[in-house]
Amino acid sequence: MQNNNLAVSMKLGMRRLASGVCVLSTTLPGNQRFAMTVSSVTSVSDSPASLLVCINQLVSQQGHLATLGSQFAVNVLSTHHQDVSNICAGREPNRDRFEVGNWEEDETGLPVLADAQAVFVCQTDQVTTYGTHKIIIGVIHKVILNSAEVDPLLYADGSYGAFLRQ
């Protein structure tokens, strides 16, 4: 496919790349909890254990997340978490993002999804800006594995899906 508008072509091409769905959660100043659906999450290194997440600069809370030392959790969603993904993506703006899902607080008060596939508890270590996004590298301090069964929620071409084993 050839398209004169590179940005449009790039977006159409990226719709064909399936990604796991995660919800980033944190506690903002004043003990206000915040959660947002993210699909740009990847490992960086296992030494030090770290991952990166990309957040659009239009998200008002990105300033907190981009502050070195801020704590956040990356909750890897299971196939039964579509409702959690939708509400944390802002598809229901008048609802509390924490009223859907099995949310708990860890020992530091950080909100984590208790039945997520996995939860990576991180601290912001490095931040860079590229184009429309902040790239946040978090050092992982704890990993919580909640299920022996690998059943991630996937997203491609505007729809949710599941991992099929052959």
Protein backbone atom coordinates (compact mmCIF):
# COMPACT_ATOMS: atom_id res chain seq x y z
CA MET A 1 0.00 0.00 0.00
CA GLN A 2 1.34 3.38 -0.95
CA ASN A 3 0.08 6.55 0.67
CA ASN A 4 1.38 10.10 0.35
CA ASN A 5 0.61 10.83 3.99
CA LEU A 6 3.28 8.99 5.96
CA ALA A 7 1.58 9.53 9.33
CA VAL A 8 -1.68 7.97 8.10
CA SER A 9 0.18 5.05 6.50
CA MET A 10 2.17 4.50 9.67
CA LYS A 11 -1.03 4.38 11.78
CA LEU A 12 -2.66 1.95 9.34
CA GLY A 13 0.42 -0.25 9.40
CA MET A 14 0.61 -0.22 13.20
CA ARG A 15 -3.03 -1.39 13.40
CA ARG A 16 -1.72 -4.67 11.99
CA LEU A 17 0.75 -5.11 14.85
CA ALA A 18 -0.93 -6.96 17.71
CA SER A 19 0.08 -5.79 21.15
CA GLY A 20 -0.63 -6.79 24.69
CA VAL A 21 -2.94 -4.49 26.61
CA CYS A 22 -1.75 -3.02 29.90
CA VAL A 23 -3.07 -0.51 32.40
CA LEU A 24 -0.61 1.84 34.00
CA SER A 25 -1.64 2.82 37.53
CA THR A 26 -0.17 5.27 40.00
CA THR A 27 -0.94 7.51 42.92
CA LEU A 28 -0.79 11.22 42.18
CA PRO A 29 0.00 13.94 44.72
CA GLY A 30 -2.80 14.21 47.27
CA ASN A 31 -3.30 10.42 47.20
CA GLN A 32 -5.41 10.62 44.03
CA ARG A 33 -5.34 7.32 42.15
CA PHE A 34 -4.93 7.32 38.37
CA ALA A 35 -5.06 4.57 35.75
CA MET A 36 -4.78 4.61 31.97
CA THR A 37 -4.73 1.95 29.27
CA VAL A 38 -1.39 1.71 27.45
CA SER A 39 -0.27 -0.51 24.60
CA SER A 40 3.27 0.81 24.11
CA VAL A 41 5.06 -1.19 26.79
CA THR A 42 8.24 -3.19 26.25
CA SER A 43 11.12 -4.60 28.23
CA VAL A 44 14.39 -2.68 28.11
CA SER A 45 16.83 -4.81 30.08
CA ASP A 46 16.96 -7.57 32.66
CA SER A 47 19.96 -5.97 34.36
CA PRO A 48 18.79 -3.61 35.65
CA ALA A 49 15.29 -5.02 35.29
CA SER A 50 13.46 -2.28 33.41
CA LEU A 51 10.71 -1.50 30.97
CA LEU A 52 9.55 1.47 28.96
CA VAL A 53 6.14 2.91 28.41
CA CYS A 54 5.16 5.62 25.93
CA ILE A 55 2.61 8.21 27.04
CA ASN A 56 1.09 10.92 24.90
CA GLN A 57 2.02 14.38 26.14
CA LEU A 58 -1.66 15.37 25.99
CA VAL A 59 -2.30 13.14 29.03
CA SER A 60 -2.32 15.63 31.90
CA GLN A 61 -0.81 13.12 34.36
CA GLN A 62 2.23 12.46 32.17
CA GLY A 63 4.08 15.19 34.08
CA HIS A 64 3.81 13.18 37.30
CA LEU A 65 4.87 9.96 35.58
CA ALA A 66 7.81 11.75 33.95
CA THR A 67 9.11 12.88 37.36
CA LEU A 68 12.19 10.87 38.30
CA GLY A 69 11.47 8.60 41.23
CA SER A 70 7.70 8.42 40.65
CA GLN A 71 6.21 5.01 41.29
CA PHE A 72 3.85 3.30 38.89
CA ALA A 73 2.56 -0.17 38.13
CA VAL A 74 2.13 -1.77 34.72
CA ASN A 75 -0.75 -4.25 34.97
CA VAL A 76 -0.78 -6.85 32.16
CA LEU A 77 -4.42 -7.56 31.34
CA SER A 78 -6.07 -10.96 30.80
CA THR A 79 -8.74 -11.66 28.20
CA HIS A 80 -11.48 -11.09 30.81
CA HIS A 81 -10.27 -7.50 31.43
CA GLN A 82 -11.77 -5.79 28.37
CA ASP A 83 -14.03 -3.70 30.62
CA VAL A 84 -11.00 -2.55 32.65
CA SER A 85 -9.19 -1.58 29.45
CA ASN A 86 -12.19 0.34 28.12
CA ILE A 87 -12.82 2.37 31.27
CA CYS A 88 -9.10 3.14 31.74
CA ALA A 89 -8.91 4.23 28.10
CA GLY A 90 -11.43 6.96 28.97
CA ARG A 91 -14.29 5.47 26.95
CA GLU A 92 -16.62 6.18 29.88
CA PRO A 93 -15.42 9.60 31.07
CA ASN A 94 -17.96 10.02 33.87
CA ARG A 95 -17.05 6.77 35.64
CA ASP A 96 -14.37 6.14 38.24
CA ARG A 97 -11.66 4.05 36.57
CA PHE A 98 -11.26 2.01 39.74
CA GLU A 99 -14.89 0.91 40.03
CA VAL A 100 -14.26 -1.81 37.43
CA GLY A 101 -11.78 -4.58 38.18
CA ASN A 102 -10.26 -6.12 41.28
CA TRP A 103 -8.08 -3.21 42.45
CA GLU A 104 -5.99 -3.36 45.62
CA GLU A 105 -3.23 -1.24 47.09
CA ASP A 106 0.24 -2.68 47.55
CA GLU A 107 2.28 -2.05 50.71
CA THR A 108 3.23 1.44 49.45
CA GLY A 109 -0.35 2.44 48.57
CA LEU A 110 0.13 1.96 44.82
CA PRO A 111 -3.05 0.70 43.10
CA VAL A 112 -2.54 -2.68 41.41
CA LEU A 113 -4.98 -4.95 39.58
CA ALA A 114 -5.04 -8.01 41.85
CA ASP A 115 -5.96 -10.50 39.13
CA ALA A 116 -3.76 -9.14 36.32
CA GLN A 117 -1.61 -11.60 34.38
CA ALA A 118 1.41 -9.84 35.83
CA VAL A 119 2.12 -6.55 37.58
CA PHE A 120 5.43 -4.72 37.24
CA VAL A 121 5.98 -2.23 40.05
CA CYS A 122 8.37 0.43 38.77
CA GLN A 123 10.06 3.69 39.59
CA THR A 124 10.70 6.28 36.89
CA ASP A 125 14.42 6.29 36.11
CA GLN A 126 14.77 8.08 32.77
CA VAL A 127 12.50 10.17 30.59
CA THR A 128 12.90 11.41 27.06
CA THR A 129 10.54 13.25 24.76
CA TYR A 130 10.11 12.16 21.18
CA GLY A 131 7.50 13.71 18.93
CA THR A 132 4.11 13.62 20.63
CA HIS A 133 5.12 11.24 23.43
CA LYS A 134 7.13 10.90 26.60
CA ILE A 135 9.18 7.72 26.76
CA ILE A 136 9.42 6.69 30.38
CA ILE A 137 11.92 4.06 31.49
CA GLY A 138 11.02 2.47 34.78
CA VAL A 139 13.26 0.34 36.94
CA ILE A 140 11.28 -2.70 38.06
CA HIS A 141 11.28 -3.22 41.84
CA LYS A 142 8.76 -6.05 42.05
CA VAL A 143 6.96 -8.46 39.74
CA ILE A 144 3.69 -10.08 40.76
CA LEU A 145 2.62 -13.14 38.76
CA ASN A 146 -1.02 -14.00 39.42
CA SER A 147 -1.86 -16.85 37.10
CA ALA A 148 -0.15 -19.99 35.93
CA GLU A 149 -2.15 -19.72 32.70
CA VAL A 150 -0.87 -17.25 30.11
CA ASP A 151 -4.01 -15.57 28.76
CA PRO A 152 -3.12 -12.01 27.69
CA LEU A 153 -5.61 -9.54 26.26
CA LEU A 154 -4.41 -8.53 22.79
CA TYR A 155 -5.31 -5.52 20.64
CA ALA A 156 -5.05 -5.13 16.87
CA ASP A 157 -6.98 -3.25 14.19
CA GLY A 158 -9.21 -1.59 16.78
CA SER A 159 -10.39 -4.85 18.35
CA TYR A 160 -9.53 -7.10 21.26
CA GLY A 161 -8.37 -10.66 20.79
CA ALA A 162 -6.79 -13.63 22.50
CA PHE A 163 -3.60 -15.63 22.10
CA LEU A 164 -4.35 -18.95 20.43
CA ARG A 165 -2.01 -21.85 21.03
CA GLN A 166 -1.39 -24.36 18.26
